[in-house]
């Protein structure tokens, strides 16, 4: 019995995984209120690495082009950067 996956199904899985990563890190940043924490960065790096491995597998399987894969990784990196910017306090701001 052979099972095949379509490009649309593969993209849906990647989009769901990316959303779960963003959700996890968003919740973590809300709880800790610090994204400069080494634990936050470690989780972000680990999850991004796992996501990039998924993307590489789909590229090697012929379901994604290299440029599509790079774009997906770039989009996730940008989303994670936005999470970090949202909760990181402004540097250099003086509080009264």
PDB file of N, CA and C in Angstrom:
ATOM      1  N   UNK A   1       0.840  -1.177   0.000  1.00  0.00           N
ATOM      2  CA  UNK A   1       0.000   0.000   0.000  1.00  0.00           C
ATOM      3  C   UNK A   1       0.885   1.240   0.000  1.00  0.00           C
ATOM      4  N   UNK A   2       0.669   2.090  -0.963  1.00  0.00           N
ATOM      5  CA  UNK A   2       1.445   3.320  -1.063  1.00  0.00           C
ATOM      6  C   UNK A   2       0.596   4.504  -0.629  1.00  0.00           C
ATOM      7  N   UNK A   3       1.209   5.372   0.144  1.00  0.00           N
ATOM      8  CA  UNK A   3       0.549   6.605   0.561  1.00  0.00           C
ATOM      9  C   UNK A   3       1.317   7.773  -0.021  1.00  0.00           C
ATOM     10  N   UNK A   4       0.596   8.721  -0.538  1.00  0.00           N
ATOM     11  CA  UNK A   4       1.217   9.903  -1.106  1.00  0.00           C
ATOM     12  C   UNK A   4       0.698  11.131  -0.380  1.00  0.00           C
ATOM     13  N   UNK A   5       1.544  12.129  -0.313  1.00  0.00           N
ATOM     14  CA  UNK A   5       1.157  13.398   0.298  1.00  0.00           C
ATOM     15  C   UNK A   5       1.291  14.479  -0.769  1.00  0.00           C
ATOM     16  N   UNK A   6       0.335  15.352  -0.815  1.00  0.00           N
ATOM     17  CA  UNK A   6       0.383  16.430  -1.801  1.00  0.00           C
ATOM     18  C   UNK A   6       1.187  17.603  -1.250  1.00  0.00           C
ATOM     19  N   UNK A   7       1.559  18.471  -2.136  1.00  0.00           N
ATOM     20  CA  UNK A   7       2.276  19.682  -1.735  1.00  0.00           C
ATOM     21  C   UNK A   7       1.414  20.511  -0.782  1.00  0.00           C
ATOM     22  N   UNK A   8       0.125  20.587  -1.061  1.00  0.00           N
ATOM     23  CA  UNK A   8      -0.783  21.357  -0.204  1.00  0.00           C
ATOM     24  C   UNK A   8      -0.851  20.759   1.196  1.00  0.00           C
ATOM     25  N   UNK A   9      -0.865  19.434   1.286  1.00  0.00           N
ATOM     26  CA  UNK A   9      -0.885  18.781   2.592  1.00  0.00           C
ATOM     27  C   UNK A   9       0.417  19.044   3.347  1.00  0.00           C
ATOM     28  N   UNK A  10       1.536  18.981   2.641  1.00  0.00           N
ATOM     29  CA  UNK A  10       2.835  19.239   3.268  1.00  0.00           C
ATOM     30  C   UNK A  10       2.911  20.674   3.776  1.00  0.00           C
ATOM     31  N   UNK A  11       2.445  21.620   2.969  1.00  0.00           N
ATOM     32  CA  UNK A  11       2.441  23.022   3.395  1.00  0.00           C
ATOM     33  C   UNK A  11       1.520  23.238   4.590  1.00  0.00           C
ATOM     34  N   UNK A  12       0.396  22.555   4.607  1.00  0.00           N
ATOM     35  CA  UNK A  12      -0.537  22.685   5.734  1.00  0.00           C
ATOM     36  C   UNK A  12       0.108  22.191   7.027  1.00  0.00           C
ATOM     37  N   UNK A  13       0.843  21.090   6.944  1.00  0.00           N
ATOM     38  CA  UNK A  13       1.539  20.570   8.124  1.00  0.00           C
ATOM     39  C   UNK A  13       2.591  21.566   8.596  1.00  0.00           C
ATOM     40  N   UNK A  14       3.363  22.119   7.665  1.00  0.00           N
ATOM     41  CA  UNK A  14       4.391  23.095   8.036  1.00  0.00           C
ATOM     42  C   UNK A  14       3.771  24.348   8.643  1.00  0.00           C
ATOM     43  N   UNK A  15       2.682  24.818   8.062  1.00  0.00           N
ATOM     44  CA  UNK A  15       2.021  26.012   8.597  1.00  0.00           C
ATOM     45  C   UNK A  15       1.474  25.751   9.999  1.00  0.00           C
ATOM     46  N   UNK A  16       0.941  24.566  10.221  1.00  0.00           N
ATOM     47  CA  UNK A  16       0.437  24.214  11.547  1.00  0.00           C
ATOM     48  C   UNK A  16       1.592  24.140  12.547  1.00  0.00           C
ATOM     49  N   UNK A  17       2.702  23.530  12.146  1.00  0.00           N
ATOM     50  CA  UNK A  17       3.860  23.440  13.037  1.00  0.00           C
ATOM     51  C   UNK A  17       4.412  24.822  13.367  1.00  0.00           C
ATOM     52  N   UNK A  18       4.486  25.692  12.371  1.00  0.00           N
ATOM     53  CA  UNK A  18       4.976  27.055  12.604  1.00  0.00           C
ATOM     54  C   UNK A  18       4.051  27.797  13.567  1.00  0.00           C
ATOM     55  N   UNK A  19       2.745  27.619  13.394  1.00  0.00           N
ATOM     56  CA  UNK A  19       1.781  28.269  14.291  1.00  0.00           C
ATOM     57  C   UNK A  19       1.928  27.752  15.717  1.00  0.00           C
ATOM     58  N   UNK A  20       2.161  26.452  15.869  1.00  0.00           N
ATOM     59  CA  UNK A  20       2.346  25.878  17.203  1.00  0.00           C
ATOM     60  C   UNK A  20       3.616  26.408  17.862  1.00  0.00           C
ATOM     61  N   UNK A  21       4.672  26.574  17.082  1.00  0.00           N
ATOM     62  CA  UNK A  21       5.920  27.130  17.613  1.00  0.00           C
ATOM     63  C   UNK A  21       5.689  28.558  18.093  1.00  0.00           C
ATOM     64  N   UNK A  22       5.037  29.357  17.276  1.00  0.00           N
ATOM     65  CA  UNK A  22       4.754  30.749  17.657  1.00  0.00           C
ATOM     66  C   UNK A  22       3.854  30.805  18.887  1.00  0.00           C
ATOM     67  N   UNK A  23       2.867  29.927  18.937  1.00  0.00           N
ATOM     68  CA  UNK A  23       1.961  29.894  20.086  1.00  0.00           C
ATOM     69  C   UNK A  23       2.721  29.523  21.355  1.00  0.00           C
ATOM     70  N   UNK A  24       3.555  28.502  21.277  1.00  0.00           N
ATOM     71  CA  UNK A  24       4.345  28.072  22.429  1.00  0.00           C
ATOM     72  C   UNK A  24       5.243  29.191  22.932  1.00  0.00           C
ATOM     73  N   UNK A  25       5.968  29.818  22.022  1.00  0.00           N
ATOM     74  CA  UNK A  25       6.894  30.873  22.430  1.00  0.00           C
ATOM     75  C   UNK A  25       6.152  32.127  22.874  1.00  0.00           C
ATOM     76  N   UNK A  26       4.999  32.386  22.283  1.00  0.00           N
ATOM     77  CA  UNK A  26       4.189  33.510  22.734  1.00  0.00           C
ATOM     78  C   UNK A  26       3.712  33.304  24.160  1.00  0.00           C
ATOM     79  N   UNK A  27       3.261  32.086  24.465  1.00  0.00           N
ATOM     80  CA  UNK A  27       2.824  31.776  25.829  1.00  0.00           C
ATOM     81  C   UNK A  27       3.997  31.835  26.798  1.00  0.00           C
ATOM     82  N   UNK A  28       5.141  31.308  26.372  1.00  0.00           N
ATOM     83  CA  UNK A  28       6.321  31.326  27.236  1.00  0.00           C
ATOM     84  C   UNK A  28       6.741  32.758  27.529  1.00  0.00           C
ATOM     85  N   UNK A  29       6.720  33.608  26.512  1.00  0.00           N
ATOM     86  CA  UNK A  29       7.129  34.998  26.720  1.00  0.00           C
ATOM     87  C   UNK A  29       6.127  35.731  27.601  1.00  0.00           C
ATOM     88  N   UNK A  30       4.842  35.386  27.494  1.00  0.00           N
ATOM     89  CA  UNK A  30       3.830  36.016  28.344  1.00  0.00           C
ATOM     90  C   UNK A  30       3.994  35.603  29.797  1.00  0.00           C
ATOM     91  N   UNK A  31       4.388  34.363  30.015  1.00  0.00           N
ATOM     92  CA  UNK A  31       4.577  33.874  31.378  1.00  0.00           C
ATOM     93  C   UNK A  31       5.857  34.448  31.973  1.00  0.00           C
ATOM     94  N   UNK A  32       6.922  34.398  31.223  1.00  0.00           N
ATOM     95  CA  UNK A  32       8.216  34.844  31.734  1.00  0.00           C
ATOM     96  C   UNK A  32       8.426  36.340  31.581  1.00  0.00           C
ATOM     97  N   UNK A  33       7.721  36.943  30.603  1.00  0.00           N
ATOM     98  CA  UNK A  33       7.854  38.373  30.301  1.00  0.00           C
ATOM     99  C   UNK A  33       9.281  38.759  29.950  1.00  0.00           C
ATOM    100  N   UNK A  34      10.057  37.803  29.537  1.00  0.00           N
ATOM    101  CA  UNK A  34      11.434  38.100  29.137  1.00  0.00           C
ATOM    102  C   UNK A  34      11.815  37.179  27.994  1.00  0.00           C
ATOM    103  N   UNK A  35      12.168  37.751  26.879  1.00  0.00           N
ATOM    104  CA  UNK A  35      12.635  36.927  25.768  1.00  0.00           C
ATOM    105  C   UNK A  35      14.144  36.923  25.678  1.00  0.00           C
ATOM    106  N   UNK A  36      14.812  37.703  26.534  1.00  0.00           N
ATOM    107  CA  UNK A  36      16.267  37.673  26.538  1.00  0.00           C
ATOM    108  C   UNK A  36      16.782  36.570  27.454  1.00  0.00           C
ATOM    109  N   UNK A  37      15.881  35.815  28.034  1.00  0.00           N
ATOM    110  CA  UNK A  37      16.216  34.697  28.902  1.00  0.00           C
ATOM    111  C   UNK A  37      16.837  33.584  28.051  1.00  0.00           C
ATOM    112  N   UNK A  38      17.927  32.974  28.525  1.00  0.00           N
ATOM    113  CA  UNK A  38      18.544  31.885  27.751  1.00  0.00           C
ATOM    114  C   UNK A  38      17.586  30.730  27.467  1.00  0.00           C
ATOM    115  N   UNK A  39      16.667  30.450  28.381  1.00  0.00           N
ATOM    116  CA  UNK A  39      15.713  29.357  28.152  1.00  0.00           C
ATOM    117  C   UNK A  39      14.807  29.668  26.963  1.00  0.00           C
ATOM    118  N   UNK A  40      14.358  30.917  26.842  1.00  0.00           N
ATOM    119  CA  UNK A  40      13.517  31.314  25.714  1.00  0.00           C
ATOM    120  C   UNK A  40      14.289  31.137  24.411  1.00  0.00           C
ATOM    121  N   UNK A  41      15.517  31.624  24.391  1.00  0.00           N
ATOM    122  CA  UNK A  41      16.335  31.526  23.179  1.00  0.00           C
ATOM    123  C   UNK A  41      16.625  30.073  22.824  1.00  0.00           C
ATOM    124  N   UNK A  42      16.849  29.237  23.838  1.00  0.00           N
ATOM    125  CA  UNK A  42      17.122  27.823  23.600  1.00  0.00           C
ATOM    126  C   UNK A  42      15.908  27.135  22.978  1.00  0.00           C
ATOM    127  N   UNK A  43      14.732  27.411  23.510  1.00  0.00           N
ATOM    128  CA  UNK A  43      13.507  26.823  22.958  1.00  0.00           C
ATOM    129  C   UNK A  43      13.290  27.317  21.530  1.00  0.00           C
ATOM    130  N   UNK A  44      13.478  28.610  21.309  1.00  0.00           N
ATOM    131  CA  UNK A  44      13.296  29.170  19.964  1.00  0.00           C
ATOM    132  C   UNK A  44      14.265  28.527  18.977  1.00  0.00           C
ATOM    133  N   UNK A  45      15.536  28.431  19.359  1.00  0.00           N
ATOM    134  CA  UNK A  45      16.537  27.834  18.472  1.00  0.00           C
ATOM    135  C   UNK A  45      16.232  26.367  18.188  1.00  0.00           C
ATOM    136  N   UNK A  46      15.851  25.635  19.234  1.00  0.00           N
ATOM    137  CA  UNK A  46      15.558  24.207  19.068  1.00  0.00           C
ATOM    138  C   UNK A  46      14.356  23.997  18.159  1.00  0.00           C
ATOM    139  N   UNK A  47      13.305  24.762  18.378  1.00  0.00           N
ATOM    140  CA  UNK A  47      12.101  24.627  17.557  1.00  0.00           C
ATOM    141  C   UNK A  47      12.362  25.044  16.114  1.00  0.00           C
ATOM    142  N   UNK A  48      13.131  26.109  15.929  1.00  0.00           N
ATOM    143  CA  UNK A  48      13.456  26.567  14.581  1.00  0.00           C
ATOM    144  C   UNK A  48      14.308  25.523  13.857  1.00  0.00           C
ATOM    145  N   UNK A  49      15.226  24.897  14.581  1.00  0.00           N
ATOM    146  CA  UNK A  49      16.047  23.843  13.988  1.00  0.00           C
ATOM    147  C   UNK A  49      15.165  22.670  13.543  1.00  0.00           C
ATOM    148  N   UNK A  50      14.251  22.245  14.412  1.00  0.00           N
ATOM    149  CA  UNK A  50      13.353  21.145  14.055  1.00  0.00           C
ATOM    150  C   UNK A  50      12.501  21.474  12.839  1.00  0.00           C
ATOM    151  N   UNK A  51      12.005  22.710  12.799  1.00  0.00           N
ATOM    152  CA  UNK A  51      11.199  23.152  11.661  1.00  0.00           C
ATOM    153  C   UNK A  51      12.038  23.128  10.385  1.00  0.00           C
ATOM    154  N   UNK A  52      13.285  23.593  10.478  1.00  0.00           N
ATOM    155  CA  UNK A  52      14.143  23.614   9.284  1.00  0.00           C
ATOM    156  C   UNK A  52      14.448  22.195   8.808  1.00  0.00           C
ATOM    157  N   UNK A  53      14.532  21.235   9.734  1.00  0.00           N
ATOM    158  CA  UNK A  53      14.729  19.838   9.332  1.00  0.00           C
ATOM    159  C   UNK A  53      13.513  19.310   8.576  1.00  0.00           C
ATOM    160  N   UNK A  54      12.319  19.675   9.026  1.00  0.00           N
ATOM    161  CA  UNK A  54      11.098  19.295   8.309  1.00  0.00           C
ATOM    162  C   UNK A  54      11.115  19.870   6.895  1.00  0.00           C
ATOM    163  N   UNK A  55      11.486  21.133   6.793  1.00  0.00           N
ATOM    164  CA  UNK A  55      11.531  21.806   5.493  1.00  0.00           C
ATOM    165  C   UNK A  55      12.547  21.120   4.585  1.00  0.00           C
ATOM    166  N   UNK A  56      13.726  20.816   5.105  1.00  0.00           N
ATOM    167  CA  UNK A  56      14.759  20.153   4.300  1.00  0.00           C
ATOM    168  C   UNK A  56      14.276  18.793   3.799  1.00  0.00           C
ATOM    169  N   UNK A  57      13.568  18.067   4.649  1.00  0.00           N
ATOM    170  CA  UNK A  57      13.030  16.772   4.236  1.00  0.00           C
ATOM    171  C   UNK A  57      12.062  16.932   3.064  1.00  0.00           C
ATOM    172  N   UNK A  58      11.198  17.925   3.152  1.00  0.00           N
ATOM    173  CA  UNK A  58      10.231  18.141   2.071  1.00  0.00           C
ATOM    174  C   UNK A  58      10.909  18.623   0.792  1.00  0.00           C
ATOM    175  N   UNK A  59      11.988  19.375   0.928  1.00  0.00           N
ATOM    176  CA  UNK A  59      12.761  19.785  -0.253  1.00  0.00           C
ATOM    177  C   UNK A  59      13.389  18.556  -0.896  1.00  0.00           C
ATOM    178  N   UNK A  60      14.010  17.716  -0.078  1.00  0.00           N
ATOM    179  CA  UNK A  60      14.661  16.512  -0.604  1.00  0.00           C
ATOM    180  C   UNK A  60      13.650  15.540  -1.200  1.00  0.00           C
ATOM    181  N   UNK A  61      12.430  15.577  -0.697  1.00  0.00           N
ATOM    182  CA  UNK A  61      11.368  14.710  -1.221  1.00  0.00           C
ATOM    183  C   UNK A  61      10.747  15.262  -2.497  1.00  0.00           C
ATOM    184  N   UNK A  62      11.101  16.496  -2.837  1.00  0.00           N
ATOM    185  CA  UNK A  62      10.576  17.105  -4.048  1.00  0.00           C
ATOM    186  C   UNK A  62       9.225  17.783  -3.873  1.00  0.00           C
ATOM    187  N   UNK A  63       8.764  17.909  -2.633  1.00  0.00           N
ATOM    188  CA  UNK A  63       7.473  18.552  -2.396  1.00  0.00           C
ATOM    189  C   UNK A  63       7.585  20.062  -2.293  1.00  0.00           C
ATOM    190  N   UNK A  64       8.768  20.557  -2.001  1.00  0.00           N
ATOM    191  CA  UNK A  64       9.024  22.003  -1.938  1.00  0.00           C
ATOM    192  C   UNK A  64      10.273  22.324  -2.739  1.00  0.00           C
ATOM    193  N   UNK A  65      10.312  23.517  -3.300  1.00  0.00           N
ATOM    194  CA  UNK A  65      11.546  23.984  -3.919  1.00  0.00           C
ATOM    195  C   UNK A  65      12.427  24.575  -2.820  1.00  0.00           C
ATOM    196  N   UNK A  66      13.684  24.728  -3.112  1.00  0.00           N
ATOM    197  CA  UNK A  66      14.600  25.317  -2.139  1.00  0.00           C
ATOM    198  C   UNK A  66      14.164  26.722  -1.770  1.00  0.00           C
ATOM    199  N   UNK A  67      13.741  27.500  -2.755  1.00  0.00           N
ATOM    200  CA  UNK A  67      13.326  28.875  -2.456  1.00  0.00           C
ATOM    201  C   UNK A  67      12.054  28.897  -1.604  1.00  0.00           C
ATOM    202  N   UNK A  68      11.127  27.981  -1.847  1.00  0.00           N
ATOM    203  CA  UNK A  68       9.924  27.903  -1.007  1.00  0.00           C
ATOM    204  C   UNK A  68      10.297  27.551   0.430  1.00  0.00           C
ATOM    205  N   UNK A  69      11.205  26.614   0.575  1.00  0.00           N
ATOM    206  CA  UNK A  69      11.645  26.207   1.904  1.00  0.00           C
ATOM    207  C   UNK A  69      12.324  27.334   2.652  1.00  0.00           C
ATOM    208  N   UNK A  70      13.211  28.041   1.964  1.00  0.00           N
ATOM    209  CA  UNK A  70      13.896  29.173   2.594  1.00  0.00           C
ATOM    210  C   UNK A  70      12.899  30.250   2.995  1.00  0.00           C
ATOM    211  N   UNK A  71      11.883  30.465   2.176  1.00  0.00           N
ATOM    212  CA  UNK A  71      10.862  31.468   2.481  1.00  0.00           C
ATOM    213  C   UNK A  71      10.080  31.086   3.737  1.00  0.00           C
ATOM    214  N   UNK A  72       9.736  29.818   3.866  1.00  0.00           N
ATOM    215  CA  UNK A  72       9.005  29.360   5.053  1.00  0.00           C
ATOM    216  C   UNK A  72       9.830  29.560   6.324  1.00  0.00           C
ATOM    217  N   UNK A  73      11.112  29.237   6.251  1.00  0.00           N
ATOM    218  CA  UNK A  73      11.992  29.415   7.412  1.00  0.00           C
ATOM    219  C   UNK A  73      12.132  30.895   7.738  1.00  0.00           C
ATOM    220  N   UNK A  74      12.298  31.702   6.706  1.00  0.00           N
ATOM    221  CA  UNK A  74      12.428  33.149   6.912  1.00  0.00           C
ATOM    222  C   UNK A  74      11.176  33.721   7.571  1.00  0.00           C
ATOM    223  N   UNK A  75      10.007  33.289   7.119  1.00  0.00           N
ATOM    224  CA  UNK A  75       8.746  33.772   7.698  1.00  0.00           C
ATOM    225  C   UNK A  75       8.637  33.403   9.172  1.00  0.00           C
ATOM    226  N   UNK A  76       9.040  32.173   9.520  1.00  0.00           N
ATOM    227  CA  UNK A  76       8.988  31.766  10.923  1.00  0.00           C
ATOM    228  C   UNK A  76       9.985  32.569  11.752  1.00  0.00           C
ATOM    229  N   UNK A  77      11.182  32.784  11.220  1.00  0.00           N
ATOM    230  CA  UNK A  77      12.170  33.606  11.933  1.00  0.00           C
ATOM    231  C   UNK A  77      11.631  35.006  12.193  1.00  0.00           C
ATOM    232  N   UNK A  78      10.952  35.582  11.204  1.00  0.00           N
ATOM    233  CA  UNK A  78      10.380  36.923  11.368  1.00  0.00           C
ATOM    234  C   UNK A  78       9.287  36.934  12.432  1.00  0.00           C
ATOM    235  N   UNK A  79       8.446  35.908  12.435  1.00  0.00           N
ATOM    236  CA  UNK A  79       7.384  35.826  13.440  1.00  0.00           C
ATOM    237  C   UNK A  79       7.977  35.699  14.841  1.00  0.00           C
ATOM    238  N   UNK A  80       9.017  34.890  14.971  1.00  0.00           N
ATOM    239  CA  UNK A  80       9.661  34.743  16.277  1.00  0.00           C
ATOM    240  C   UNK A  80      10.330  36.045  16.692  1.00  0.00           C
ATOM    241  N   UNK A  81      10.898  36.756  15.732  1.00  0.00           N
ATOM    242  CA  UNK A  81      11.478  38.068  16.016  1.00  0.00           C
ATOM    243  C   UNK A  81      10.425  39.051  16.490  1.00  0.00           C
ATOM    244  N   UNK A  82       9.232  38.982  15.893  1.00  0.00           N
ATOM    245  CA  UNK A  82       8.133  39.859  16.319  1.00  0.00           C
ATOM    246  C   UNK A  82       7.688  39.544  17.740  1.00  0.00           C
ATOM    247  N   UNK A  83       7.667  38.260  18.092  1.00  0.00           N
ATOM    248  CA  UNK A  83       7.321  37.878  19.464  1.00  0.00           C
ATOM    249  C   UNK A  83       8.350  38.459  20.422  1.00  0.00           C
ATOM    250  N   UNK A  84       9.608  38.354  20.051  1.00  0.00           N
ATOM    251  CA  UNK A  84      10.677  38.857  20.911  1.00  0.00           C
ATOM    252  C   UNK A  84      10.596  40.370  21.057  1.00  0.00           C
ATOM    253  N   UNK A  85      10.350  41.077  19.968  1.00  0.00           N
ATOM    254  CA  UNK A  85      10.242  42.538  20.024  1.00  0.00           C
ATOM    255  C   UNK A  85       9.045  42.988  20.848  1.00  0.00           C
ATOM    256  N   UNK A  86       7.969  42.223  20.789  1.00  0.00           N
ATOM    257  CA  UNK A  86       6.742  42.592  21.482  1.00  0.00           C
ATOM    258  C   UNK A  86       6.915  42.610  22.996  1.00  0.00           C
ATOM    259  N   UNK A  87       7.749  41.726  23.528  1.00  0.00           N
ATOM    260  CA  UNK A  87       7.851  41.626  24.982  1.00  0.00           C
ATOM    261  C   UNK A  87       9.181  42.092  25.543  1.00  0.00           C
ATOM    262  N   UNK A  88      10.146  42.372  24.693  1.00  0.00           N
ATOM    263  CA  UNK A  88      11.435  42.848  25.178  1.00  0.00           C
ATOM    264  C   UNK A  88      11.322  44.321  25.513  1.00  0.00           C
ATOM    265  N   UNK A  89      11.699  44.709  26.737  1.00  0.00           N
ATOM    266  CA  UNK A  89      11.616  46.127  27.096  1.00  0.00           C
ATOM    267  C   UNK A  89      12.565  46.965  26.257  1.00  0.00           C
ATOM    268  N   UNK A  90      12.180  48.224  26.058  1.00  0.00           N
ATOM    269  CA  UNK A  90      13.026  49.139  25.303  1.00  0.00           C
ATOM    270  C   UNK A  90      14.340  49.355  26.036  1.00  0.00           C
ATOM    271  N   UNK A  91      15.418  49.217  25.309  1.00  0.00           N
ATOM    272  CA  UNK A  91      16.738  49.433  25.883  1.00  0.00           C
ATOM    273  C   UNK A  91      17.028  50.925  25.863  1.00  0.00           C
ATOM    274  N   UNK A  92      17.559  51.433  26.938  1.00  0.00           N
ATOM    275  CA  UNK A  92      17.933  52.840  26.993  1.00  0.00           C
ATOM    276  C   UNK A  92      16.827  53.759  27.466  1.00  0.00           C
ATOM    277  N   UNK A  93      15.670  53.221  27.760  1.00  0.00           N
ATOM    278  CA  UNK A  93      14.572  54.043  28.251  1.00  0.00           C
ATOM    279  C   UNK A  93      14.761  54.247  29.746  1.00  0.00           C
ATOM    280  N   UNK A  94      14.689  55.478  30.172  1.00  0.00           N
ATOM    281  CA  UNK A  94      14.828  55.773  31.595  1.00  0.00           C
ATOM    282  C   UNK A  94      13.452  55.843  32.224  1.00  0.00           C
ATOM    283  N   UNK A  95      13.278  55.151  33.322  1.00  0.00           N
ATOM    284  CA  UNK A  95      12.009  55.138  34.046  1.00  0.00           C
ATOM    285  C   UNK A  95      12.099  56.092  35.213  1.00  0.00           C
ATOM    286  N   UNK A  96      11.051  56.802  35.465  1.00  0.00           N
ATOM    287  CA  UNK A  96      11.028  57.769  36.568  1.00  0.00           C
ATOM    288  C   UNK A  96      10.619  57.108  37.853  1.00  0.00           C
TER     289      UNK A  96
END
